[in-house]
PDB file of N, CA and C in Angstrom:
ATOM      1  N   UNK A   1       0.989  -1.122  -0.375  1.00  0.00           N
ATOM      2  CA  UNK A   1       0.336   0.174   0.097  1.00  0.00           C
ATOM      3  C   UNK A   1       0.708   1.228  -0.251  1.00  0.00           C
ATOM      4  N   UNK A   2       0.667   2.644  -0.831  1.00  0.00           N
ATOM      5  CA  UNK A   2       1.109   3.516  -0.552  1.00  0.00           C
ATOM      6  C   UNK A   2       1.057   4.040   1.061  1.00  0.00           C
ATOM      7  N   UNK A   3       2.137   5.439   0.614  1.00  0.00           N
ATOM      8  CA  UNK A   3       3.002   5.954   2.405  1.00  0.00           C
ATOM      9  C   UNK A   3       1.852   6.443   2.591  1.00  0.00           C
ATOM     10  N   UNK A   4       0.887   6.565   3.808  1.00  0.00           N
ATOM     11  CA  UNK A   4       0.421   7.673   4.287  1.00  0.00           C
ATOM     12  C   UNK A   4       0.032   7.908   5.468  1.00  0.00           C
ATOM     13  N   UNK A   5      -0.067   9.539   5.765  1.00  0.00           N
ATOM     14  CA  UNK A   5       0.829  10.448   6.497  1.00  0.00           C
ATOM     15  C   UNK A   5       1.038   9.495   7.752  1.00  0.00           C
ATOM     16  N   UNK A   6       2.292   9.666   8.127  1.00  0.00           N
ATOM     17  CA  UNK A   6       2.697   9.206  10.022  1.00  0.00           C
ATOM     18  C   UNK A   6       2.409   7.984   9.368  1.00  0.00           C
ATOM     19  N   UNK A   7       2.559   7.398   8.506  1.00  0.00           N
ATOM     20  CA  UNK A   7       2.277   5.355   8.529  1.00  0.00           C
ATOM     21  C   UNK A   7       1.545   5.458   9.636  1.00  0.00           C
ATOM     22  N   UNK A   8       0.630   6.306   9.602  1.00  0.00           N
ATOM     23  CA  UNK A   8      -0.354   5.532  11.259  1.00  0.00           C
ATOM     24  C   UNK A   8      -1.304   4.702  10.308  1.00  0.00           C
ATOM     25  N   UNK A   9      -2.094   3.527  10.804  1.00  0.00           N
ATOM     26  CA  UNK A   9      -3.200   3.350  10.061  1.00  0.00           C
ATOM     27  C   UNK A   9      -4.638   3.467  11.166  1.00  0.00           C
ATOM     28  N   UNK A  10      -5.406   3.459  10.150  1.00  0.00           N
ATOM     29  CA  UNK A  10      -6.399   4.103  11.339  1.00  0.00           C
ATOM     30  C   UNK A  10      -7.951   3.339  10.409  1.00  0.00           C
ATOM     31  N   UNK A  11      -9.048   3.545  11.394  1.00  0.00           N
ATOM     32  CA  UNK A  11      -9.974   2.459  11.073  1.00  0.00           C
ATOM     33  C   UNK A  11     -10.273   3.135   9.616  1.00  0.00           C
ATOM     34  N   UNK A  12     -10.807   4.444   9.607  1.00  0.00           N
ATOM     35  CA  UNK A  12     -11.489   4.812   8.114  1.00  0.00           C
ATOM     36  C   UNK A  12     -10.495   5.961   7.149  1.00  0.00           C
ATOM     37  N   UNK A  13     -10.263   5.721   6.254  1.00  0.00           N
ATOM     38  CA  UNK A  13      -9.644   7.558   5.559  1.00  0.00           C
ATOM     39  C   UNK A  13     -10.208   8.022   4.753  1.00  0.00           C
ATOM     40  N   UNK A  14     -10.170   9.486   4.708  1.00  0.00           N
ATOM     41  CA  UNK A  14     -11.262   9.891   3.730  1.00  0.00           C
ATOM     42  C   UNK A  14     -10.626  10.110   2.933  1.00  0.00           C
ATOM     43  N   UNK A  15     -11.589  10.462   1.417  1.00  0.00           N
ATOM     44  CA  UNK A  15     -10.868  10.624   0.557  1.00  0.00           C
ATOM     45  C   UNK A  15      -9.810  11.247  -0.547  1.00  0.00           C
ATOM     46  N   UNK A  16      -9.573  12.412   0.352  1.00  0.00           N
ATOM     47  CA  UNK A  16      -8.982  13.502   0.297  1.00  0.00           C
ATOM     48  C   UNK A  16      -7.753  12.555   0.371  1.00  0.00           C
ATOM     49  N   UNK A  17      -7.311  11.663   1.803  1.00  0.00           N
ATOM     50  CA  UNK A  17      -6.376  11.274   2.259  1.00  0.00           C
ATOM     51  C   UNK A  17      -6.001  10.104   1.300  1.00  0.00           C
ATOM     52  N   UNK A  18      -7.031   9.300   0.877  1.00  0.00           N
ATOM     53  CA  UNK A  18      -6.959   7.713  -0.096  1.00  0.00           C
ATOM     54  C   UNK A  18      -6.345   8.748  -1.327  1.00  0.00           C
ATOM     55  N   UNK A  19      -7.158  10.003  -1.846  1.00  0.00           N
ATOM     56  CA  UNK A  19      -6.189  10.188  -3.444  1.00  0.00           C
ATOM     57  C   UNK A  19      -4.709  10.536  -3.149  1.00  0.00           C
ATOM     58  N   UNK A  20      -4.571  11.503  -2.059  1.00  0.00           N
ATOM     59  CA  UNK A  20      -3.065  11.296  -1.858  1.00  0.00           C
ATOM     60  C   UNK A  20      -1.985  10.724  -1.744  1.00  0.00           C
ATOM     61  N   UNK A  21      -2.704   9.255  -1.305  1.00  0.00           N
ATOM     62  CA  UNK A  21      -1.224   7.985  -0.579  1.00  0.00           C
ATOM     63  C   UNK A  21      -1.185   7.534  -2.097  1.00  0.00           C
ATOM     64  N   UNK A  22      -1.979   7.971  -2.976  1.00  0.00           N
ATOM     65  CA  UNK A  22      -2.084   7.126  -4.788  1.00  0.00           C
ATOM     66  C   UNK A  22      -2.230   8.035  -5.601  1.00  0.00           C
ATOM     67  N   UNK A  23      -1.226   8.948  -4.942  1.00  0.00           N
ATOM     68  CA  UNK A  23      -0.797   9.991  -6.008  1.00  0.00           C
ATOM     69  C   UNK A  23      -1.976  10.864  -7.191  1.00  0.00           C
ATOM     70  N   UNK A  24      -3.205   9.981  -6.956  1.00  0.00           N
ATOM     71  CA  UNK A  24      -4.329  10.380  -7.950  1.00  0.00           C
ATOM     72  C   UNK A  24      -5.366  11.329  -8.050  1.00  0.00           C
ATOM     73  N   UNK A  25      -6.031  12.033  -8.825  1.00  0.00           N
ATOM     74  CA  UNK A  25      -7.686  13.109  -8.473  1.00  0.00           C
ATOM     75  C   UNK A  25      -8.319  12.020  -7.162  1.00  0.00           C
ATOM     76  N   UNK A  26      -9.129  13.149  -6.526  1.00  0.00           N
ATOM     77  CA  UNK A  26     -10.566  12.810  -5.688  1.00  0.00           C
ATOM     78  C   UNK A  26     -11.840  11.893  -6.487  1.00  0.00           C
ATOM     79  N   UNK A  27     -11.715  12.583  -8.247  1.00  0.00           N
ATOM     80  CA  UNK A  27     -12.639  11.905  -8.607  1.00  0.00           C
ATOM     81  C   UNK A  27     -11.976  10.834  -9.385  1.00  0.00           C
ATOM     82  N   UNK A  28     -10.900  10.357  -9.268  1.00  0.00           N
ATOM     83  CA  UNK A  28     -10.837   9.334 -10.331  1.00  0.00           C
ATOM     84  C   UNK A  28     -10.648   8.127  -8.756  1.00  0.00           C
ATOM     85  N   UNK A  29     -11.321   8.292  -8.216  1.00  0.00           N
ATOM     86  CA  UNK A  29     -11.304   7.439  -6.938  1.00  0.00           C
ATOM     87  C   UNK A  29     -12.933   7.715  -6.577  1.00  0.00           C
ATOM     88  N   UNK A  30     -13.879   8.379  -7.116  1.00  0.00           N
ATOM     89  CA  UNK A  30     -14.634   8.134  -6.706  1.00  0.00           C
ATOM     90  C   UNK A  30     -15.285   7.982  -8.180  1.00  0.00           C
ATOM     91  N   UNK A  31     -14.771   7.396  -9.437  1.00  0.00           N
ATOM     92  CA  UNK A  31     -14.837   6.932 -10.497  1.00  0.00           C
ATOM     93  C   UNK A  31     -14.451   5.620 -10.226  1.00  0.00           C
ATOM     94  N   UNK A  32     -13.858   4.456  -9.687  1.00  0.00           N
ATOM     95  CA  UNK A  32     -13.220   3.342  -9.531  1.00  0.00           C
ATOM     96  C   UNK A  32     -14.366   2.631  -8.453  1.00  0.00           C
ATOM     97  N   UNK A  33     -14.547   3.292  -7.770  1.00  0.00           N
ATOM     98  CA  UNK A  33     -16.074   3.254  -6.849  1.00  0.00           C
ATOM     99  C   UNK A  33     -16.982   2.731  -7.511  1.00  0.00           C
ATOM    100  N   UNK A  34     -17.173   3.673  -8.541  1.00  0.00           N
ATOM    101  CA  UNK A  34     -18.504   3.985  -9.332  1.00  0.00           C
ATOM    102  C   UNK A  34     -18.443   2.426  -9.496  1.00  0.00           C
ATOM    103  N   UNK A  35     -16.820   2.201 -10.813  1.00  0.00           N
ATOM    104  CA  UNK A  35     -16.590   0.706 -11.625  1.00  0.00           C
ATOM    105  C   UNK A  35     -16.601  -0.504 -10.952  1.00  0.00           C
ATOM    106  N   UNK A  36     -15.961  -0.355 -10.346  1.00  0.00           N
ATOM    107  CA  UNK A  36     -15.369  -1.688  -8.875  1.00  0.00           C
ATOM    108  C   UNK A  36     -16.013  -2.116  -8.099  1.00  0.00           C
ATOM    109  N   UNK A  37     -16.757  -2.603  -7.653  1.00  0.00           N
ATOM    110  CA  UNK A  37     -17.857  -3.495  -7.054  1.00  0.00           C
ATOM    111  C   UNK A  37     -17.242  -4.258  -5.656  1.00  0.00           C
ATOM    112  N   UNK A  38     -15.796  -3.966  -5.421  1.00  0.00           N
ATOM    113  CA  UNK A  38     -15.524  -4.721  -4.114  1.00  0.00           C
ATOM    114  C   UNK A  38     -14.772  -3.002  -3.582  1.00  0.00           C
ATOM    115  N   UNK A  39     -14.999  -1.972  -4.550  1.00  0.00           N
ATOM    116  CA  UNK A  39     -14.817  -0.663  -4.084  1.00  0.00           C
ATOM    117  C   UNK A  39     -16.170  -0.244  -2.736  1.00  0.00           C
ATOM    118  N   UNK A  40     -16.370  -0.093  -1.545  1.00  0.00           N
ATOM    119  CA  UNK A  40     -17.494   0.167  -1.008  1.00  0.00           C
ATOM    120  C   UNK A  40     -17.392   0.806   0.538  1.00  0.00           C
ATOM    121  N   UNK A  41     -17.059   1.696   0.333  1.00  0.00           N
ATOM    122  CA  UNK A  41     -16.507   2.511   1.708  1.00  0.00           C
ATOM    123  C   UNK A  41     -17.710   2.923   2.321  1.00  0.00           C
ATOM    124  N   UNK A  42     -18.113   3.515   3.432  1.00  0.00           N
ATOM    125  CA  UNK A  42     -18.881   4.004   4.043  1.00  0.00           C
ATOM    126  C   UNK A  42     -18.643   4.974   4.124  1.00  0.00           C
ATOM    127  N   UNK A  43     -20.248   5.683   4.853  1.00  0.00           N
ATOM    128  CA  UNK A  43     -20.499   7.377   4.278  1.00  0.00           C
ATOM    129  C   UNK A  43     -21.110   7.760   5.740  1.00  0.00           C
ATOM    130  N   UNK A  44     -20.057   9.041   6.410  1.00  0.00           N
ATOM    131  CA  UNK A  44     -20.949   9.750   7.413  1.00  0.00           C
ATOM    132  C   UNK A  44     -22.175   9.844   7.557  1.00  0.00           C
ATOM    133  N   UNK A  45     -22.284  10.329   7.901  1.00  0.00           N
ATOM    134  CA  UNK A  45     -23.273  11.773   8.038  1.00  0.00           C
ATOM    135  C   UNK A  45     -23.791  12.953   6.946  1.00  0.00           C
ATOM    136  N   UNK A  46     -22.395  13.386   6.895  1.00  0.00           N
ATOM    137  CA  UNK A  46     -22.666  14.588   5.592  1.00  0.00           C
ATOM    138  C   UNK A  46     -22.448  13.730   4.397  1.00  0.00           C
ATOM    139  N   UNK A  47     -22.149  12.296   4.521  1.00  0.00           N
ATOM    140  CA  UNK A  47     -22.254  11.890   2.946  1.00  0.00           C
ATOM    141  C   UNK A  47     -20.836  11.342   2.739  1.00  0.00           C
ATOM    142  N   UNK A  48     -19.749  11.885   3.576  1.00  0.00           N
ATOM    143  CA  UNK A  48     -18.640  11.814   2.752  1.00  0.00           C
ATOM    144  C   UNK A  48     -17.726  10.466   3.062  1.00  0.00           C
ATOM    145  N   UNK A  49     -17.249  10.354   1.596  1.00  0.00           N
ATOM    146  CA  UNK A  49     -16.850   9.053   1.955  1.00  0.00           C
ATOM    147  C   UNK A  49     -15.451   8.846   2.683  1.00  0.00           C
ATOM    148  N   UNK A  50     -15.989   7.661   3.629  1.00  0.00           N
ATOM    149  CA  UNK A  50     -14.858   7.164   4.890  1.00  0.00           C
ATOM    150  C   UNK A  50     -14.024   5.601   4.572  1.00  0.00           C
ATOM    151  N   UNK A  51     -13.203   5.271   3.791  1.00  0.00           N
ATOM    152  CA  UNK A  51     -12.366   4.354   3.264  1.00  0.00           C
ATOM    153  C   UNK A  51     -11.654   3.173   3.771  1.00  0.00           C
ATOM    154  N   UNK A  52     -12.234   1.705   4.274  1.00  0.00           N
ATOM    155  CA  UNK A  52     -11.549   0.957   5.500  1.00  0.00           C
ATOM    156  C   UNK A  52      -9.903   0.462   4.799  1.00  0.00           C
ATOM    157  N   UNK A  53      -9.705  -0.255   5.847  1.00  0.00           N
ATOM    158  CA  UNK A  53      -8.121  -0.813   5.361  1.00  0.00           C
ATOM    159  C   UNK A  53      -8.315  -1.541   4.424  1.00  0.00           C
ATOM    160  N   UNK A  54      -9.521  -2.074   4.114  1.00  0.00           N
ATOM    161  CA  UNK A  54      -9.990  -3.312   3.337  1.00  0.00           C
ATOM    162  C   UNK A  54      -9.827  -2.216   1.697  1.00  0.00           C
ATOM    163  N   UNK A  55     -11.194  -1.584   1.671  1.00  0.00           N
ATOM    164  CA  UNK A  55     -10.893  -0.003   0.819  1.00  0.00           C
ATOM    165  C   UNK A  55      -9.500  -0.107  -0.039  1.00  0.00           C
ATOM    166  N   UNK A  56      -8.708   0.216   0.566  1.00  0.00           N
ATOM    167  CA  UNK A  56      -7.343   0.792   0.532  1.00  0.00           C
ATOM    168  C   UNK A  56      -6.451  -0.512   0.189  1.00  0.00           C
ATOM    169  N   UNK A  57      -6.711  -1.660   0.785  1.00  0.00           N
ATOM    170  CA  UNK A  57      -6.455  -2.770  -0.015  1.00  0.00           C
ATOM    171  C   UNK A  57      -6.728  -3.228  -1.249  1.00  0.00           C
ATOM    172  N   UNK A  58      -7.829  -2.920  -1.586  1.00  0.00           N
ATOM    173  CA  UNK A  58      -8.575  -2.892  -3.239  1.00  0.00           C
ATOM    174  C   UNK A  58      -7.943  -1.862  -3.971  1.00  0.00           C
ATOM    175  N   UNK A  59      -8.428  -1.236  -3.838  1.00  0.00           N
ATOM    176  CA  UNK A  59      -7.462   0.760  -4.438  1.00  0.00           C
ATOM    177  C   UNK A  59      -6.453   0.100  -4.705  1.00  0.00           C
ATOM    178  N   UNK A  60      -5.720  -0.631  -3.926  1.00  0.00           N
ATOM    179  CA  UNK A  60      -3.739  -0.600  -4.165  1.00  0.00           C
ATOM    180  C   UNK A  60      -4.246  -1.915  -5.221  1.00  0.00           C
ATOM    181  N   UNK A  61      -5.159  -2.723  -4.846  1.00  0.00           N
ATOM    182  CA  UNK A  61      -4.960  -3.834  -6.401  1.00  0.00           C
ATOM    183  C   UNK A  61      -5.168  -3.046  -7.526  1.00  0.00           C
ATOM    184  N   UNK A  62      -6.558  -2.112  -7.474  1.00  0.00           N
ATOM    185  CA  UNK A  62      -6.827  -1.550  -8.831  1.00  0.00           C
ATOM    186  C   UNK A  62      -5.822  -0.273  -9.198  1.00  0.00           C
ATOM    187  N   UNK A  63      -4.923   0.170  -8.417  1.00  0.00           N
ATOM    188  CA  UNK A  63      -4.400   1.026  -8.807  1.00  0.00           C
ATOM    189  C   UNK A  63      -3.044   0.293  -9.687  1.00  0.00           C
ATOM    190  N   UNK A  64      -2.447  -1.187  -9.184  1.00  0.00           N
ATOM    191  CA  UNK A  64      -1.452  -1.573 -10.291  1.00  0.00           C
ATOM    192  C   UNK A  64      -1.706  -2.465 -11.292  1.00  0.00           C
ATOM    193  N   UNK A  65      -3.123  -3.006 -10.956  1.00  0.00           N
ATOM    194  CA  UNK A  65      -4.051  -3.113 -12.099  1.00  0.00           C
ATOM    195  C   UNK A  65      -3.952  -1.993 -13.936  1.00  0.00           C
ATOM    196  N   UNK A  66      -4.558  -0.553 -13.150  1.00  0.00           N
ATOM    197  CA  UNK A  66      -4.774  -0.147 -14.606  1.00  0.00           C
ATOM    198  C   UNK A  66      -3.550   0.978 -14.211  1.00  0.00           C
ATOM    199  N   UNK A  67      -3.018   1.191 -13.492  1.00  0.00           N
ATOM    200  CA  UNK A  67      -2.425   2.205 -13.289  1.00  0.00           C
ATOM    201  C   UNK A  67      -0.830   1.842 -13.567  1.00  0.00           C
ATOM    202  N   UNK A  68      -0.333   0.509 -13.425  1.00  0.00           N
ATOM    203  CA  UNK A  68       1.104   0.115 -13.177  1.00  0.00           C
ATOM    204  C   UNK A  68       1.125  -0.824 -14.485  1.00  0.00           C
ATOM    205  N   UNK A  69       0.170  -1.244 -14.417  1.00  0.00           N
ATOM    206  CA  UNK A  69      -0.001  -3.187 -15.695  1.00  0.00           C
ATOM    207  C   UNK A  69      -0.871  -2.596 -16.749  1.00  0.00           C
ATOM    208  N   UNK A  70      -1.197  -1.555 -16.391  1.00  0.00           N
ATOM    209  CA  UNK A  70      -2.096  -0.661 -17.984  1.00  0.00           C
ATOM    210  C   UNK A  70      -3.148  -1.684 -18.721  1.00  0.00           C
ATOM    211  N   UNK A  71      -3.880  -1.870 -17.703  1.00  0.00           N
ATOM    212  CA  UNK A  71      -5.030  -3.155 -17.749  1.00  0.00           C
ATOM    213  C   UNK A  71      -5.866  -1.826 -18.179  1.00  0.00           C
ATOM    214  N   UNK A  72      -7.204  -1.942 -19.079  1.00  0.00           N
ATOM    215  CA  UNK A  72      -8.540  -1.634 -19.408  1.00  0.00           C
ATOM    216  C   UNK A  72      -9.442  -1.811 -17.979  1.00  0.00           C
ATOM    217  N   UNK A  73     -10.066  -0.513 -18.077  1.00  0.00           N
ATOM    218  CA  UNK A  73     -11.272  -1.228 -16.472  1.00  0.00           C
ATOM    219  C   UNK A  73     -12.148  -3.011 -16.605  1.00  0.00           C
ATOM    220  N   UNK A  74     -12.565  -2.556 -18.166  1.00  0.00           N
ATOM    221  CA  UNK A  74     -12.897  -3.969 -18.508  1.00  0.00           C
ATOM    222  C   UNK A  74     -11.868  -4.990 -18.157  1.00  0.00           C
ATOM    223  N   UNK A  75     -10.943  -4.716 -17.958  1.00  0.00           N
ATOM    224  CA  UNK A  75      -9.607  -5.847 -18.393  1.00  0.00           C
ATOM    225  C   UNK A  75      -9.393  -6.076 -16.683  1.00  0.00           C
ATOM    226  N   UNK A  76      -9.573  -4.807 -16.518  1.00  0.00           N
ATOM    227  CA  UNK A  76      -9.245  -5.317 -14.438  1.00  0.00           C
ATOM    228  C   UNK A  76     -10.150  -5.929 -13.905  1.00  0.00           C
ATOM    229  N   UNK A  77     -11.515  -5.776 -14.166  1.00  0.00           N
ATOM    230  CA  UNK A  77     -12.560  -6.071 -13.885  1.00  0.00           C
ATOM    231  C   UNK A  77     -12.508  -7.824 -13.908  1.00  0.00           C
ATOM    232  N   UNK A  78     -12.486  -8.016 -14.699  1.00  0.00           N
ATOM    233  CA  UNK A  78     -12.023  -9.321 -15.155  1.00  0.00           C
ATOM    234  C   UNK A  78     -10.892 -10.071 -14.617  1.00  0.00           C
ATOM    235  N   UNK A  79      -9.690  -9.871 -14.806  1.00  0.00           N
ATOM    236  CA  UNK A  79      -8.652 -10.274 -14.048  1.00  0.00           C
ATOM    237  C   UNK A  79      -9.106 -10.597 -11.796  1.00  0.00           C
ATOM    238  N   UNK A  80     -10.102  -9.761 -11.772  1.00  0.00           N
ATOM    239  CA  UNK A  80     -10.352  -9.610 -10.269  1.00  0.00           C
ATOM    240  C   UNK A  80     -11.218 -10.462 -10.369  1.00  0.00           C
ATOM    241  N   UNK A  81     -12.159 -10.793 -10.919  1.00  0.00           N
ATOM    242  CA  UNK A  81     -13.142 -11.950 -11.120  1.00  0.00           C
ATOM    243  C   UNK A  81     -12.481 -12.995 -11.048  1.00  0.00           C
ATOM    244  N   UNK A  82     -11.350 -13.149 -12.393  1.00  0.00           N
ATOM    245  CA  UNK A  82     -10.315 -14.666 -12.492  1.00  0.00           C
ATOM    246  C   UNK A  82      -9.700 -15.117 -11.374  1.00  0.00           C
ATOM    247  N   UNK A  83      -9.158 -13.908 -10.844  1.00  0.00           N
ATOM    248  CA  UNK A  83      -7.903 -14.576 -10.553  1.00  0.00           C
ATOM    249  C   UNK A  83      -7.051 -13.262  -9.229  1.00  0.00           C
ATOM    250  N   UNK A  84      -7.711 -12.554  -8.198  1.00  0.00           N
ATOM    251  CA  UNK A  84      -7.457 -12.025  -7.308  1.00  0.00           C
ATOM    252  C   UNK A  84      -5.908 -12.395  -6.902  1.00  0.00           C
ATOM    253  N   UNK A  85      -6.165 -13.068  -5.961  1.00  0.00           N
ATOM    254  CA  UNK A  85      -5.747 -13.465  -5.046  1.00  0.00           C
ATOM    255  C   UNK A  85      -3.510 -13.752  -6.158  1.00  0.00           C
ATOM    256  N   UNK A  86      -3.943 -14.163  -7.566  1.00  0.00           N
ATOM    257  CA  UNK A  86      -3.080 -14.026  -8.075  1.00  0.00           C
ATOM    258  C   UNK A  86      -1.835 -12.248  -7.884  1.00  0.00           C
ATOM    259  N   UNK A  87      -3.181 -11.361  -8.288  1.00  0.00           N
ATOM    260  CA  UNK A  87      -2.548 -10.627  -8.714  1.00  0.00           C
ATOM    261  C   UNK A  87      -2.401  -9.847  -6.923  1.00  0.00           C
ATOM    262  N   UNK A  88      -2.924 -10.391  -6.123  1.00  0.00           N
ATOM    263  CA  UNK A  88      -2.040  -9.253  -4.962  1.00  0.00           C
ATOM    264  C   UNK A  88      -0.920 -10.628  -4.420  1.00  0.00           C
ATOM    265  N   UNK A  89      -0.499 -11.427  -5.006  1.00  0.00           N
ATOM    266  CA  UNK A  89       0.613 -11.999  -4.563  1.00  0.00           C
ATOM    267  C   UNK A  89       1.899 -11.279  -5.252  1.00  0.00           C
ATOM    268  N   UNK A  90       1.255 -10.978  -6.463  1.00  0.00           N
ATOM    269  CA  UNK A  90       2.072 -10.015  -7.521  1.00  0.00           C
ATOM    270  C   UNK A  90       2.433  -8.964  -6.703  1.00  0.00           C
ATOM    271  N   UNK A  91       1.787  -8.130  -6.168  1.00  0.00           N
ATOM    272  CA  UNK A  91       1.930  -6.882  -5.692  1.00  0.00           C
ATOM    273  C   UNK A  91       2.537  -7.245  -5.061  1.00  0.00           C
ATOM    274  N   UNK A  92       2.751  -8.028  -4.035  1.00  0.00           N
ATOM    275  CA  UNK A  92       2.985  -7.891  -2.777  1.00  0.00           C
ATOM    276  C   UNK A  92       4.672  -8.518  -3.115  1.00  0.00           C
ATOM    277  N   UNK A  93       4.899  -9.350  -3.982  1.00  0.00           N
ATOM    278  CA  UNK A  93       6.659  -9.638  -4.624  1.00  0.00           C
ATOM    279  C   UNK A  93       6.906  -8.373  -4.773  1.00  0.00           C
ATOM    280  N   UNK A  94       6.107  -7.165  -5.865  1.00  0.00           N
ATOM    281  CA  UNK A  94       6.868  -6.459  -6.658  1.00  0.00           C
ATOM    282  C   UNK A  94       7.211  -5.476  -5.572  1.00  0.00           C
ATOM    283  N   UNK A  95       6.349  -5.188  -4.360  1.00  0.00           N
ATOM    284  CA  UNK A  95       7.058  -4.508  -3.329  1.00  0.00           C
ATOM    285  C   UNK A  95       7.709  -4.518  -2.273  1.00  0.00           C
ATOM    286  N   UNK A  96       8.372  -6.382  -2.168  1.00  0.00           N
ATOM    287  CA  UNK A  96       9.037  -6.900  -1.689  1.00  0.00           C
ATOM    288  C   UNK A  96      10.131  -6.343  -2.278  1.00  0.00           C
ATOM    289  N   UNK A  97      10.285  -6.359  -3.723  1.00  0.00           N
ATOM    290  CA  UNK A  97      11.559  -6.272  -4.131  1.00  0.00           C
ATOM    291  C   UNK A  97      12.022  -4.927  -4.681  1.00  0.00           C
ATOM    292  N   UNK A  98      11.063  -4.172  -4.459  1.00  0.00           N
ATOM    293  CA  UNK A  98      11.034  -2.759  -4.848  1.00  0.00           C
ATOM    294  C   UNK A  98      12.055  -2.460  -3.232  1.00  0.00           C
ATOM    295  N   UNK A  99      11.454  -2.789  -2.264  1.00  0.00           N
ATOM    296  CA  UNK A  99      12.463  -3.220  -0.446  1.00  0.00           C
ATOM    297  C   UNK A  99      13.601  -2.919  -0.808  1.00  0.00           C
ATOM    298  N   UNK A 100      13.943  -4.838  -1.570  1.00  0.00           N
ATOM    299  CA  UNK A 100      15.518  -5.331  -1.307  1.00  0.00           C
ATOM    300  C   UNK A 100      15.746  -3.923  -2.544  1.00  0.00           C
ATOM    301  N   UNK A 101      15.720  -3.548  -3.558  1.00  0.00           N
ATOM    302  CA  UNK A 101      16.559  -2.788  -4.364  1.00  0.00           C
ATOM    303  C   UNK A 101      16.957  -1.772  -3.706  1.00  0.00           C
ATOM    304  N   UNK A 102      15.664  -0.796  -2.969  1.00  0.00           N
ATOM    305  CA  UNK A 102      15.937   0.057  -1.936  1.00  0.00           C
ATOM    306  C   UNK A 102      17.342  -0.431  -1.000  1.00  0.00           C
ATOM    307  N   UNK A 103      17.394  -0.726  -0.104  1.00  0.00           N
ATOM    308  CA  UNK A 103      18.421  -1.134   0.695  1.00  0.00           C
ATOM    309  C   UNK A 103      19.574  -1.691  -0.374  1.00  0.00           C
ATOM    310  N   UNK A 104      19.201  -2.230  -0.966  1.00  0.00           N
ATOM    311  CA  UNK A 104      20.759  -2.338  -1.926  1.00  0.00           C
ATOM    312  C   UNK A 104      20.883  -1.116  -2.431  1.00  0.00           C
ATOM    313  N   UNK A 105      20.694  -0.141  -3.200  1.00  0.00           N
ATOM    314  CA  UNK A 105      21.073   0.785  -3.484  1.00  0.00           C
ATOM    315  C   UNK A 105      22.007   1.925  -2.472  1.00  0.00           C
ATOM    316  N   UNK A 106      20.695   1.698  -1.204  1.00  0.00           N
ATOM    317  CA  UNK A 106      21.481   2.336   0.164  1.00  0.00           C
ATOM    318  C   UNK A 106      22.711   1.623   0.300  1.00  0.00           C
ATOM    319  N   UNK A 107      22.759   0.446   0.620  1.00  0.00           N
ATOM    320  CA  UNK A 107      23.826  -0.099   0.875  1.00  0.00           C
ATOM    321  C   UNK A 107      25.144   0.276   0.068  1.00  0.00           C
ATOM    322  N   UNK A 108      25.043   0.596  -1.263  1.00  0.00           N
ATOM    323  CA  UNK A 108      25.947   0.966  -2.944  1.00  0.00           C
ATOM    324  C   UNK A 108      25.979   2.574  -2.290  1.00  0.00           C
ATOM    325  N   UNK A 109      25.219   3.092  -1.708  1.00  0.00           N
ATOM    326  CA  UNK A 109      26.008   4.729  -2.017  1.00  0.00           C
ATOM    327  C   UNK A 109      26.473   4.822  -0.221  1.00  0.00           C
ATOM    328  N   UNK A 110      26.899   3.827   0.783  1.00  0.00           N
ATOM    329  CA  UNK A 110      27.048   4.094   2.064  1.00  0.00           C
ATOM    330  C   UNK A 110      29.007   3.438   2.164  1.00  0.00           C
ATOM    331  N   UNK A 111      29.167   2.296   0.461  1.00  0.00           N
ATOM    332  CA  UNK A 111      30.334   1.894   0.684  1.00  0.00           C
ATOM    333  C   UNK A 111      31.438   2.932  -0.338  1.00  0.00           C
TER     334      UNK A 111
END
């Protein structure tokens, strides 16, 4: 999952914070909410969307498929229906490899 402010895990994240964490517009998050039935943010009394950790995980998957891998929306929906676990595993592997790369770059710079 992208870095959130202060790396603090909350029960609910407002849509502005979600958009900032993924470096996308709020309108894109609202659009994905309409397009992907796995996104179901709660709404407070004012009607503001409040995203849970599960929603954030699902946005991470959607972001990975659409923005990083270049899937169309229909392709991403199909991939989520057919094999969501495979996508989650790929994201975890990619994130771990990024961490390793970062560590190695830091190590190289120190030498």
